[in-house]
């Protein structure tokens, strides 16, 4: 799955680019945004992730991988 824009197709909110810090292998990853704020993100929609992967995140869910 790839996104053509940084906005949610359902509600038009902007997705946030985040980088994976750690992944638990069970669909949850600790991620950090460009401002240094970290949060847990569900990764079920994008599959397995590893530290360093870039994701587009909306409402605590990774929607797509980011370049």
PDB file of N, CA and C in Angstrom:
ATOM      1  N   UNK A   1       0.847  -1.184   0.000  1.00  0.00           N
ATOM      2  CA  UNK A   1       0.000   0.000   0.000  1.00  0.00           C
ATOM      3  C   UNK A   1       0.883   1.233   0.000  1.00  0.00           C
ATOM      4  N   UNK A   2       0.524   2.206  -0.804  1.00  0.00           N
ATOM      5  CA  UNK A   2       1.258   3.459  -0.791  1.00  0.00           C
ATOM      6  C   UNK A   2       0.268   4.612  -0.770  1.00  0.00           C
ATOM      7  N   UNK A   3       0.701   5.734  -0.228  1.00  0.00           N
ATOM      8  CA  UNK A   3      -0.152   6.922  -0.144  1.00  0.00           C
ATOM      9  C   UNK A   3       0.364   7.953  -1.125  1.00  0.00           C
ATOM     10  N   UNK A   4      -0.550   8.615  -1.800  1.00  0.00           N
ATOM     11  CA  UNK A   4      -0.167   9.672  -2.724  1.00  0.00           C
ATOM     12  C   UNK A   4      -0.095  11.024  -2.029  1.00  0.00           C
ATOM     13  N   UNK A   5      -0.640  11.098  -0.816  1.00  0.00           N
ATOM     14  CA  UNK A   5      -0.593  12.363  -0.090  1.00  0.00           C
ATOM     15  C   UNK A   5      -0.385  12.081   1.388  1.00  0.00           C
ATOM     16  N   UNK A   6      -0.170  13.134   2.162  1.00  0.00           N
ATOM     17  CA  UNK A   6       0.030  13.000   3.603  1.00  0.00           C
ATOM     18  C   UNK A   6      -1.257  13.230   4.377  1.00  0.00           C
ATOM     19  N   UNK A   7      -2.410  13.112   3.727  1.00  0.00           N
ATOM     20  CA  UNK A   7      -3.688  13.353   4.385  1.00  0.00           C
ATOM     21  C   UNK A   7      -4.527  12.085   4.414  1.00  0.00           C
ATOM     22  N   UNK A   8      -5.272  11.905   5.490  1.00  0.00           N
ATOM     23  CA  UNK A   8      -6.170  10.771   5.652  1.00  0.00           C
ATOM     24  C   UNK A   8      -7.299  10.866   4.623  1.00  0.00           C
ATOM     25  N   UNK A   9      -7.533   9.769   3.877  1.00  0.00           N
ATOM     26  CA  UNK A   9      -8.580   9.789   2.862  1.00  0.00           C
ATOM     27  C   UNK A   9      -9.971   9.787   3.479  1.00  0.00           C
ATOM     28  N   UNK A  10     -10.085   9.413   4.756  1.00  0.00           N
ATOM     29  CA  UNK A  10     -11.379   9.363   5.418  1.00  0.00           C
ATOM     30  C   UNK A  10     -11.783  10.715   6.010  1.00  0.00           C
ATOM     31  N   UNK A  11     -10.875  11.350   6.761  1.00  0.00           N
ATOM     32  CA  UNK A  11     -11.254  12.585   7.457  1.00  0.00           C
ATOM     33  C   UNK A  11     -10.451  13.806   7.022  1.00  0.00           C
ATOM     34  N   UNK A  12      -9.476  13.627   6.136  1.00  0.00           N
ATOM     35  CA  UNK A  12      -8.640  14.702   5.594  1.00  0.00           C
ATOM     36  C   UNK A  12      -7.635  15.273   6.594  1.00  0.00           C
ATOM     37  N   UNK A  13      -7.529  14.676   7.798  1.00  0.00           N
ATOM     38  CA  UNK A  13      -6.486  15.112   8.728  1.00  0.00           C
ATOM     39  C   UNK A  13      -5.122  14.740   8.160  1.00  0.00           C
ATOM     40  N   UNK A  14      -4.133  15.466   8.571  1.00  0.00           N
ATOM     41  CA  UNK A  14      -2.778  15.226   8.085  1.00  0.00           C
ATOM     42  C   UNK A  14      -2.128  14.070   8.834  1.00  0.00           C
ATOM     43  N   UNK A  15      -1.480  13.185   8.095  1.00  0.00           N
ATOM     44  CA  UNK A  15      -0.688  12.125   8.699  1.00  0.00           C
ATOM     45  C   UNK A  15       0.664  12.710   9.094  1.00  0.00           C
ATOM     46  N   UNK A  16       1.278  12.123  10.103  1.00  0.00           N
ATOM     47  CA  UNK A  16       2.559  12.598  10.606  1.00  0.00           C
ATOM     48  C   UNK A  16       3.634  11.582  10.244  1.00  0.00           C
ATOM     49  N   UNK A  17       4.748  12.065   9.703  1.00  0.00           N
ATOM     50  CA  UNK A  17       5.865  11.182   9.385  1.00  0.00           C
ATOM     51  C   UNK A  17       6.586  10.855  10.692  1.00  0.00           C
ATOM     52  N   UNK A  18       6.738   9.564  10.964  1.00  0.00           N
ATOM     53  CA  UNK A  18       7.412   9.121  12.182  1.00  0.00           C
ATOM     54  C   UNK A  18       8.446   8.060  11.830  1.00  0.00           C
ATOM     55  N   UNK A  19       9.457   7.946  12.686  1.00  0.00           N
ATOM     56  CA  UNK A  19      10.510   6.958  12.498  1.00  0.00           C
ATOM     57  C   UNK A  19      10.423   5.923  13.606  1.00  0.00           C
ATOM     58  N   UNK A  20      10.523   4.660  13.213  1.00  0.00           N
ATOM     59  CA  UNK A  20      10.449   3.556  14.171  1.00  0.00           C
ATOM     60  C   UNK A  20      11.721   3.525  15.016  1.00  0.00           C
ATOM     61  N   UNK A  21      11.539   3.488  16.341  1.00  0.00           N
ATOM     62  CA  UNK A  21      12.660   3.333  17.279  1.00  0.00           C
ATOM     63  C   UNK A  21      12.832   1.869  17.672  1.00  0.00           C
ATOM     64  N   UNK A  22      11.712   1.178  17.885  1.00  0.00           N
ATOM     65  CA  UNK A  22      11.721  -0.231  18.299  1.00  0.00           C
ATOM     66  C   UNK A  22      10.385  -0.844  17.928  1.00  0.00           C
ATOM     67  N   UNK A  23      10.400  -2.147  17.647  1.00  0.00           N
ATOM     68  CA  UNK A  23       9.165  -2.865  17.311  1.00  0.00           C
ATOM     69  C   UNK A  23       9.077  -4.120  18.154  1.00  0.00           C
ATOM     70  N   UNK A  24       7.841  -4.478  18.552  1.00  0.00           N
ATOM     71  CA  UNK A  24       7.678  -5.659  19.400  1.00  0.00           C
ATOM     72  C   UNK A  24       7.399  -6.933  18.608  1.00  0.00           C
ATOM     73  N   UNK A  25       7.263  -6.835  17.271  1.00  0.00           N
ATOM     74  CA  UNK A  25       7.000  -8.000  16.449  1.00  0.00           C
ATOM     75  C   UNK A  25       5.556  -8.466  16.492  1.00  0.00           C
ATOM     76  N   UNK A  26       4.720  -7.785  17.257  1.00  0.00           N
ATOM     77  CA  UNK A  26       3.318  -8.167  17.394  1.00  0.00           C
ATOM     78  C   UNK A  26       2.374  -7.039  16.969  1.00  0.00           C
ATOM     79  N   UNK A  27       2.863  -6.139  16.113  1.00  0.00           N
ATOM     80  CA  UNK A  27       2.000  -5.088  15.604  1.00  0.00           C
ATOM     81  C   UNK A  27       2.049  -3.768  16.341  1.00  0.00           C
ATOM     82  N   UNK A  28       3.057  -3.565  17.187  1.00  0.00           N
ATOM     83  CA  UNK A  28       3.200  -2.310  17.918  1.00  0.00           C
ATOM     84  C   UNK A  28       4.648  -1.841  17.833  1.00  0.00           C
ATOM     85  N   UNK A  29       4.829  -0.556  17.568  1.00  0.00           N
ATOM     86  CA  UNK A  29       6.180  -0.001  17.465  1.00  0.00           C
ATOM     87  C   UNK A  29       6.260   1.319  18.216  1.00  0.00           C
ATOM     88  N   UNK A  30       7.393   1.569  18.827  1.00  0.00           N
ATOM     89  CA  UNK A  30       7.676   2.868  19.459  1.00  0.00           C
ATOM     90  C   UNK A  30       8.250   3.734  18.356  1.00  0.00           C
ATOM     91  N   UNK A  31       7.628   4.903  18.117  1.00  0.00           N
ATOM     92  CA  UNK A  31       8.045   5.783  17.033  1.00  0.00           C
ATOM     93  C   UNK A  31       8.287   7.193  17.556  1.00  0.00           C
ATOM     94  N   UNK A  32       9.059   7.951  16.790  1.00  0.00           N
ATOM     95  CA  UNK A  32       9.373   9.330  17.155  1.00  0.00           C
ATOM     96  C   UNK A  32       9.071  10.234  15.963  1.00  0.00           C
ATOM     97  N   UNK A  33       8.511  11.432  16.240  1.00  0.00           N
ATOM     98  CA  UNK A  33       8.246  12.377  15.150  1.00  0.00           C
ATOM     99  C   UNK A  33       9.437  13.320  14.993  1.00  0.00           C
ATOM    100  N   UNK A  34       9.322  14.244  14.052  1.00  0.00           N
ATOM    101  CA  UNK A  34      10.428  15.162  13.749  1.00  0.00           C
ATOM    102  C   UNK A  34      10.743  16.108  14.893  1.00  0.00           C
ATOM    103  N   UNK A  35       9.792  16.311  15.825  1.00  0.00           N
ATOM    104  CA  UNK A  35      10.017  17.181  16.981  1.00  0.00           C
ATOM    105  C   UNK A  35      10.593  16.428  18.178  1.00  0.00           C
ATOM    106  N   UNK A  36      10.763  15.109  18.039  1.00  0.00           N
ATOM    107  CA  UNK A  36      11.330  14.306  19.118  1.00  0.00           C
ATOM    108  C   UNK A  36      10.316  13.675  20.056  1.00  0.00           C
ATOM    109  N   UNK A  37       9.025  13.879  19.796  1.00  0.00           N
ATOM    110  CA  UNK A  37       7.987  13.269  20.632  1.00  0.00           C
ATOM    111  C   UNK A  37       7.808  11.811  20.215  1.00  0.00           C
ATOM    112  N   UNK A  38       7.777  10.915  21.196  1.00  0.00           N
ATOM    113  CA  UNK A  38       7.628   9.499  20.873  1.00  0.00           C
ATOM    114  C   UNK A  38       6.280   8.972  21.356  1.00  0.00           C
ATOM    115  N   UNK A  39       5.801   7.943  20.676  1.00  0.00           N
ATOM    116  CA  UNK A  39       4.525   7.327  21.003  1.00  0.00           C
ATOM    117  C   UNK A  39       4.499   5.904  20.456  1.00  0.00           C
ATOM    118  N   UNK A  40       3.579   5.089  20.977  1.00  0.00           N
ATOM    119  CA  UNK A  40       3.380   3.745  20.451  1.00  0.00           C
ATOM    120  C   UNK A  40       2.419   3.825  19.277  1.00  0.00           C
ATOM    121  N   UNK A  41       2.736   3.071  18.216  1.00  0.00           N
ATOM    122  CA  UNK A  41       1.968   3.103  16.978  1.00  0.00           C
ATOM    123  C   UNK A  41       1.609   1.675  16.580  1.00  0.00           C
ATOM    124  N   UNK A  42       0.348   1.461  16.204  1.00  0.00           N
ATOM    125  CA  UNK A  42      -0.064   0.161  15.675  1.00  0.00           C
ATOM    126  C   UNK A  42       0.433   0.047  14.233  1.00  0.00           C
ATOM    127  N   UNK A  43       1.040  -1.091  13.900  1.00  0.00           N
ATOM    128  CA  UNK A  43       1.648  -1.261  12.573  1.00  0.00           C
ATOM    129  C   UNK A  43       0.999  -2.377  11.759  1.00  0.00           C
ATOM    130  N   UNK A  44      -0.163  -2.851  12.170  1.00  0.00           N
ATOM    131  CA  UNK A  44      -0.823  -3.960  11.476  1.00  0.00           C
ATOM    132  C   UNK A  44      -1.041  -3.690   9.985  1.00  0.00           C
ATOM    133  N   UNK A  45      -1.345  -2.469   9.605  1.00  0.00           N
ATOM    134  CA  UNK A  45      -1.640  -2.155   8.206  1.00  0.00           C
ATOM    135  C   UNK A  45      -0.405  -2.134   7.312  1.00  0.00           C
ATOM    136  N   UNK A  46       0.779  -1.934   7.888  1.00  0.00           N
ATOM    137  CA  UNK A  46       2.000  -1.848   7.078  1.00  0.00           C
ATOM    138  C   UNK A  46       2.891  -3.085   7.201  1.00  0.00           C
ATOM    139  N   UNK A  47       2.541  -4.001   8.070  1.00  0.00           N
ATOM    140  CA  UNK A  47       3.341  -5.213   8.238  1.00  0.00           C
ATOM    141  C   UNK A  47       4.509  -4.997   9.177  1.00  0.00           C
ATOM    142  N   UNK A  48       5.460  -5.912   9.112  1.00  0.00           N
ATOM    143  CA  UNK A  48       6.626  -5.858   9.995  1.00  0.00           C
ATOM    144  C   UNK A  48       7.448  -4.596   9.746  1.00  0.00           C
ATOM    145  N   UNK A  49       7.899  -3.982  10.825  1.00  0.00           N
ATOM    146  CA  UNK A  49       8.764  -2.804  10.742  1.00  0.00           C
ATOM    147  C   UNK A  49      10.016  -3.046  11.571  1.00  0.00           C
ATOM    148  N   UNK A  50      11.059  -2.298  11.249  1.00  0.00           N
ATOM    149  CA  UNK A  50      12.321  -2.378  11.984  1.00  0.00           C
ATOM    150  C   UNK A  50      12.769  -0.961  12.324  1.00  0.00           C
ATOM    151  N   UNK A  51      13.615  -0.814  13.334  1.00  0.00           N
ATOM    152  CA  UNK A  51      14.119   0.514  13.668  1.00  0.00           C
ATOM    153  C   UNK A  51      14.699   1.214  12.438  1.00  0.00           C
ATOM    154  N   UNK A  52      14.332   2.481  12.289  1.00  0.00           N
ATOM    155  CA  UNK A  52      14.777   3.277  11.154  1.00  0.00           C
ATOM    156  C   UNK A  52      13.738   3.419  10.055  1.00  0.00           C
ATOM    157  N   UNK A  53      12.730   2.527  10.023  1.00  0.00           N
ATOM    158  CA  UNK A  53      11.670   2.643   9.022  1.00  0.00           C
ATOM    159  C   UNK A  53      10.900   3.946   9.234  1.00  0.00           C
ATOM    160  N   UNK A  54      10.500   4.587   8.143  1.00  0.00           N
ATOM    161  CA  UNK A  54       9.695   5.803   8.190  1.00  0.00           C
ATOM    162  C   UNK A  54       8.258   5.446   7.854  1.00  0.00           C
ATOM    163  N   UNK A  55       7.330   5.954   8.663  1.00  0.00           N
ATOM    164  CA  UNK A  55       5.911   5.643   8.506  1.00  0.00           C
ATOM    165  C   UNK A  55       5.076   6.911   8.485  1.00  0.00           C
ATOM    166  N   UNK A  56       3.936   6.861   7.795  1.00  0.00           N
ATOM    167  CA  UNK A  56       2.941   7.918   7.899  1.00  0.00           C
ATOM    168  C   UNK A  56       1.920   7.453   8.915  1.00  0.00           C
ATOM    169  N   UNK A  57       1.739   8.230   9.995  1.00  0.00           N
ATOM    170  CA  UNK A  57       0.916   7.811  11.130  1.00  0.00           C
ATOM    171  C   UNK A  57      -0.246   8.776  11.318  1.00  0.00           C
ATOM    172  N   UNK A  58      -1.424   8.205  11.538  1.00  0.00           N
ATOM    173  CA  UNK A  58      -2.628   8.995  11.802  1.00  0.00           C
ATOM    174  C   UNK A  58      -3.394   8.297  12.901  1.00  0.00           C
ATOM    175  N   UNK A  59      -3.741   9.021  13.947  1.00  0.00           N
ATOM    176  CA  UNK A  59      -4.543   8.495  15.063  1.00  0.00           C
ATOM    177  C   UNK A  59      -3.918   7.243  15.667  1.00  0.00           C
ATOM    178  N   UNK A  60      -2.586   7.235  15.781  1.00  0.00           N
ATOM    179  CA  UNK A  60      -1.900   6.118  16.430  1.00  0.00           C
ATOM    180  C   UNK A  60      -1.760   4.873  15.590  1.00  0.00           C
ATOM    181  N   UNK A  61      -2.062   4.988  14.291  1.00  0.00           N
ATOM    182  CA  UNK A  61      -1.981   3.845  13.386  1.00  0.00           C
ATOM    183  C   UNK A  61      -1.114   4.211  12.183  1.00  0.00           C
ATOM    184  N   UNK A  62      -0.145   3.348  11.880  1.00  0.00           N
ATOM    185  CA  UNK A  62       0.670   3.544  10.677  1.00  0.00           C
ATOM    186  C   UNK A  62      -0.174   3.194   9.471  1.00  0.00           C
ATOM    187  N   UNK A  63      -0.352   4.148   8.576  1.00  0.00           N
ATOM    188  CA  UNK A  63      -1.177   3.944   7.383  1.00  0.00           C
ATOM    189  C   UNK A  63      -0.364   3.486   6.181  1.00  0.00           C
ATOM    190  N   UNK A  64       0.904   3.906   6.112  1.00  0.00           N
ATOM    191  CA  UNK A  64       1.746   3.579   4.976  1.00  0.00           C
ATOM    192  C   UNK A  64       3.212   3.812   5.354  1.00  0.00           C
ATOM    193  N   UNK A  65       4.068   3.258   4.542  1.00  0.00           N
ATOM    194  CA  UNK A  65       5.495   3.540   4.676  1.00  0.00           C
ATOM    195  C   UNK A  65       5.787   4.852   3.966  1.00  0.00           C
ATOM    196  N   UNK A  66       6.741   5.595   4.465  1.00  0.00           N
ATOM    197  CA  UNK A  66       7.096   6.885   3.899  1.00  0.00           C
ATOM    198  C   UNK A  66       8.517   6.818   3.354  1.00  0.00           C
ATOM    199  N   UNK A  67       8.758   7.578   2.325  1.00  0.00           N
ATOM    200  CA  UNK A  67      10.110   7.611   1.727  1.00  0.00           C
ATOM    201  C   UNK A  67      11.029   8.498   2.524  1.00  0.00           C
TER     202      UNK A  67
END
